């Protein structure tokens, strides 16, 4: 079964990166799909479903007035 899904990603700063990672990975069952260190002074992770890279070929990224990026996705999402 599949359904039309719209997803977005929000990047935000935190002083509790390890706790945020634990919440999304252990609490919600998501996986770390990427990470970066000292990018413009920030360390960070991308968390999602490794087996369904929805962001490839089906998304666009915008930068808001404060410089934070938002990724929008529109397409079919298959339920496993």
N, C-alpha and C. Protein backbone atom coordinates (compact mmCIF):
# COMPACT_ATOMS: atom_id res chain seq x y z
N UNK A 1 0.84 -1.16 0.00
CA UNK A 1 0.00 0.00 0.00
C UNK A 1 0.90 1.24 0.00
N UNK A 2 0.44 2.30 -0.61
CA UNK A 2 1.18 3.56 -0.60
C UNK A 2 0.20 4.71 -0.47
N UNK A 3 0.72 5.86 -0.09
CA UNK A 3 -0.11 7.04 0.02
C UNK A 3 0.73 8.25 -0.34
N UNK A 4 0.06 9.31 -0.74
CA UNK A 4 0.75 10.55 -1.08
C UNK A 4 1.21 11.21 0.20
N UNK A 5 2.49 11.52 0.28
CA UNK A 5 3.05 12.10 1.50
C UNK A 5 3.75 13.40 1.19
N UNK A 6 3.64 14.32 2.10
CA UNK A 6 4.41 15.55 2.05
C UNK A 6 5.22 15.57 3.33
N UNK A 7 6.51 15.68 3.19
CA UNK A 7 7.39 15.68 4.35
C UNK A 7 8.28 16.90 4.29
N UNK A 8 8.73 17.33 5.44
CA UNK A 8 9.69 18.41 5.47
C UNK A 8 10.70 18.15 6.57
N UNK A 9 11.83 18.78 6.42
CA UNK A 9 12.90 18.62 7.39
C UNK A 9 13.20 19.98 7.99
N UNK A 10 13.40 20.00 9.29
CA UNK A 10 13.74 21.24 9.98
C UNK A 10 15.10 21.06 10.64
N UNK A 11 15.98 21.98 10.36
CA UNK A 11 17.29 21.98 11.02
C UNK A 11 17.25 23.06 12.09
N UNK A 12 17.71 22.69 13.28
CA UNK A 12 17.70 23.66 14.36
C UNK A 12 18.88 23.42 15.28
N UNK A 13 19.33 24.45 15.95
CA UNK A 13 20.45 24.28 16.88
C UNK A 13 19.98 23.63 18.18
N UNK A 14 20.91 22.96 18.85
CA UNK A 14 20.62 22.39 20.17
C UNK A 14 21.91 22.34 20.96
N UNK A 15 21.77 22.44 22.24
CA UNK A 15 22.90 22.27 23.15
C UNK A 15 22.90 20.85 23.72
N UNK A 16 21.97 20.01 23.25
CA UNK A 16 21.81 18.66 23.78
C UNK A 16 21.81 17.64 22.64
N UNK A 17 22.78 17.69 21.77
CA UNK A 17 22.79 16.85 20.57
C UNK A 17 22.68 15.37 20.91
N UNK A 18 23.40 14.90 21.88
CA UNK A 18 23.35 13.47 22.22
C UNK A 18 21.95 13.06 22.69
N UNK A 19 21.30 13.90 23.49
CA UNK A 19 19.95 13.59 23.95
C UNK A 19 18.95 13.62 22.80
N UNK A 20 19.12 14.55 21.87
CA UNK A 20 18.24 14.62 20.71
C UNK A 20 18.42 13.38 19.83
N UNK A 21 19.66 12.96 19.63
CA UNK A 21 19.93 11.75 18.85
C UNK A 21 19.27 10.55 19.52
N UNK A 22 19.42 10.43 20.83
CA UNK A 22 18.82 9.31 21.56
C UNK A 22 17.30 9.32 21.44
N UNK A 23 16.69 10.49 21.54
CA UNK A 23 15.23 10.61 21.43
C UNK A 23 14.74 10.09 20.08
N UNK A 24 15.35 10.58 19.00
CA UNK A 24 14.88 10.19 17.67
C UNK A 24 15.27 8.77 17.29
N UNK A 25 16.45 8.32 17.72
CA UNK A 25 16.88 6.97 17.33
C UNK A 25 16.29 5.90 18.24
N UNK A 26 16.47 6.02 19.53
CA UNK A 26 15.95 5.00 20.45
C UNK A 26 14.47 5.20 20.73
N UNK A 27 14.06 6.43 20.91
CA UNK A 27 12.66 6.72 21.24
C UNK A 27 11.71 6.52 20.08
N UNK A 28 12.10 6.97 18.88
CA UNK A 28 11.22 6.87 17.72
C UNK A 28 11.64 5.79 16.73
N UNK A 29 12.79 5.15 16.97
CA UNK A 29 13.21 4.04 16.11
C UNK A 29 13.79 4.45 14.77
N UNK A 30 14.22 5.69 14.63
CA UNK A 30 14.81 6.14 13.37
C UNK A 30 16.32 5.90 13.40
N UNK A 31 16.95 6.03 12.25
CA UNK A 31 18.38 5.76 12.13
C UNK A 31 19.15 7.02 11.72
N UNK A 32 20.40 7.09 12.10
CA UNK A 32 21.26 8.17 11.62
C UNK A 32 21.60 7.87 10.17
N UNK A 33 21.23 8.79 9.27
CA UNK A 33 21.50 8.58 7.85
C UNK A 33 22.63 9.45 7.34
N UNK A 34 23.12 10.35 8.18
CA UNK A 34 24.24 11.20 7.83
C UNK A 34 24.65 12.04 9.02
N UNK A 35 25.85 12.56 8.96
CA UNK A 35 26.31 13.42 10.04
C UNK A 35 27.38 14.37 9.52
N UNK A 36 27.60 15.45 10.24
CA UNK A 36 28.63 16.41 9.86
C UNK A 36 29.22 17.02 11.12
N UNK A 37 30.43 17.51 10.97
CA UNK A 37 31.16 18.10 12.10
C UNK A 37 31.76 19.43 11.69
N UNK A 38 31.63 20.42 12.56
CA UNK A 38 32.20 21.75 12.36
C UNK A 38 31.86 22.35 11.00
N UNK A 39 30.61 22.24 10.60
CA UNK A 39 30.11 22.88 9.39
C UNK A 39 29.56 24.24 9.80
N UNK A 40 30.26 25.29 9.45
CA UNK A 40 29.90 26.65 9.87
C UNK A 40 29.75 26.73 11.39
N UNK A 41 30.60 25.96 12.10
CA UNK A 41 30.57 25.99 13.55
C UNK A 41 29.60 25.02 14.19
N UNK A 42 28.92 24.20 13.39
CA UNK A 42 27.92 23.27 13.93
C UNK A 42 28.31 21.82 13.68
N UNK A 43 27.93 20.95 14.60
CA UNK A 43 27.94 19.51 14.40
C UNK A 43 26.47 19.11 14.27
N UNK A 44 26.20 18.05 13.51
CA UNK A 44 24.80 17.66 13.39
C UNK A 44 24.63 16.28 12.80
N UNK A 45 23.40 15.83 12.80
CA UNK A 45 23.03 14.53 12.25
C UNK A 45 21.75 14.68 11.43
N UNK A 46 21.60 13.79 10.46
CA UNK A 46 20.35 13.64 9.73
C UNK A 46 19.79 12.29 10.17
N UNK A 47 18.54 12.28 10.58
CA UNK A 47 17.92 11.08 11.11
C UNK A 47 16.68 10.77 10.28
N UNK A 48 16.52 9.51 9.92
CA UNK A 48 15.36 9.12 9.12
C UNK A 48 15.34 7.62 8.91
N UNK A 49 14.87 7.22 7.74
CA UNK A 49 14.76 5.81 7.37
C UNK A 49 15.78 5.52 6.28
N UNK A 50 16.86 4.82 6.61
CA UNK A 50 17.93 4.52 5.65
C UNK A 50 17.42 3.76 4.43
N UNK A 51 16.37 3.00 4.61
CA UNK A 51 15.90 2.14 3.55
C UNK A 51 14.97 2.85 2.59
N UNK A 52 14.63 4.09 2.87
CA UNK A 52 13.75 4.85 1.98
C UNK A 52 14.27 6.27 1.87
N UNK A 53 15.24 6.50 0.99
CA UNK A 53 15.82 7.85 0.85
C UNK A 53 14.88 8.79 0.07
N UNK A 54 13.79 9.19 0.72
CA UNK A 54 12.76 10.00 0.06
C UNK A 54 13.30 11.30 -0.51
N UNK A 55 14.38 11.81 0.08
CA UNK A 55 14.88 13.12 -0.30
C UNK A 55 15.58 13.10 -1.66
N UNK A 56 16.02 11.93 -2.13
CA UNK A 56 16.71 11.85 -3.41
C UNK A 56 15.72 12.01 -4.55
N UNK A 57 15.96 12.94 -5.42
CA UNK A 57 15.19 13.17 -6.65
C UNK A 57 13.77 13.68 -6.43
N UNK A 58 13.28 13.74 -5.22
CA UNK A 58 11.90 14.15 -4.98
C UNK A 58 11.77 15.31 -4.01
N UNK A 59 12.84 16.07 -3.81
CA UNK A 59 12.76 17.12 -2.82
C UNK A 59 13.45 18.39 -3.32
N UNK A 60 13.11 19.48 -2.67
CA UNK A 60 13.76 20.76 -2.92
C UNK A 60 14.15 21.36 -1.57
N UNK A 61 15.20 22.13 -1.56
CA UNK A 61 15.68 22.75 -0.34
C UNK A 61 15.61 24.26 -0.47
N UNK A 62 15.11 24.90 0.58
CA UNK A 62 15.03 26.36 0.63
C UNK A 62 15.74 26.83 1.89
N UNK A 63 16.27 28.01 1.83
CA UNK A 63 16.89 28.63 3.01
C UNK A 63 15.98 29.75 3.48
N UNK A 64 15.62 29.75 4.78
CA UNK A 64 14.74 30.78 5.30
C UNK A 64 15.53 32.06 5.58
N UNK A 65 14.85 33.15 5.95
CA UNK A 65 15.54 34.42 6.18
C UNK A 65 16.63 34.37 7.24
N UNK A 66 16.56 33.42 8.18
CA UNK A 66 17.58 33.29 9.20
C UNK A 66 18.73 32.39 8.77
N UNK A 67 18.64 31.82 7.57
CA UNK A 67 19.70 30.96 7.07
C UNK A 67 19.50 29.48 7.35
N UNK A 68 18.38 29.10 7.98
CA UNK A 68 18.09 27.69 8.23
C UNK A 68 17.45 27.08 6.99
N UNK A 69 17.76 25.83 6.73
CA UNK A 69 17.26 25.17 5.54
C UNK A 69 16.04 24.31 5.84
N UNK A 70 15.12 24.30 4.88
CA UNK A 70 13.93 23.47 4.94
C UNK A 70 13.91 22.62 3.69
N UNK A 71 13.73 21.30 3.84
CA UNK A 71 13.65 20.38 2.71
C UNK A 71 12.19 19.95 2.58
N UNK A 72 11.60 20.17 1.41
CA UNK A 72 10.23 19.76 1.16
C UNK A 72 10.22 18.57 0.21
N UNK A 73 9.35 17.62 0.50
CA UNK A 73 9.23 16.40 -0.30
C UNK A 73 7.77 16.19 -0.65
N UNK A 74 7.50 15.78 -1.87
CA UNK A 74 6.14 15.43 -2.27
C UNK A 74 6.23 14.21 -3.18
N UNK A 75 5.57 13.15 -2.81
CA UNK A 75 5.59 11.94 -3.62
C UNK A 75 4.88 10.82 -2.92
N UNK A 76 4.90 9.64 -3.53
CA UNK A 76 4.27 8.48 -2.92
C UNK A 76 5.21 7.87 -1.89
N UNK A 77 4.65 7.48 -0.78
CA UNK A 77 5.41 6.85 0.30
C UNK A 77 4.83 5.47 0.51
N UNK A 78 5.65 4.46 0.35
CA UNK A 78 5.19 3.08 0.49
C UNK A 78 5.24 2.64 1.94
N UNK A 79 4.17 2.05 2.42
CA UNK A 79 4.13 1.51 3.77
C UNK A 79 4.75 0.13 3.73
N UNK A 80 5.67 -0.13 4.66
CA UNK A 80 6.35 -1.42 4.70
C UNK A 80 5.53 -2.44 5.45
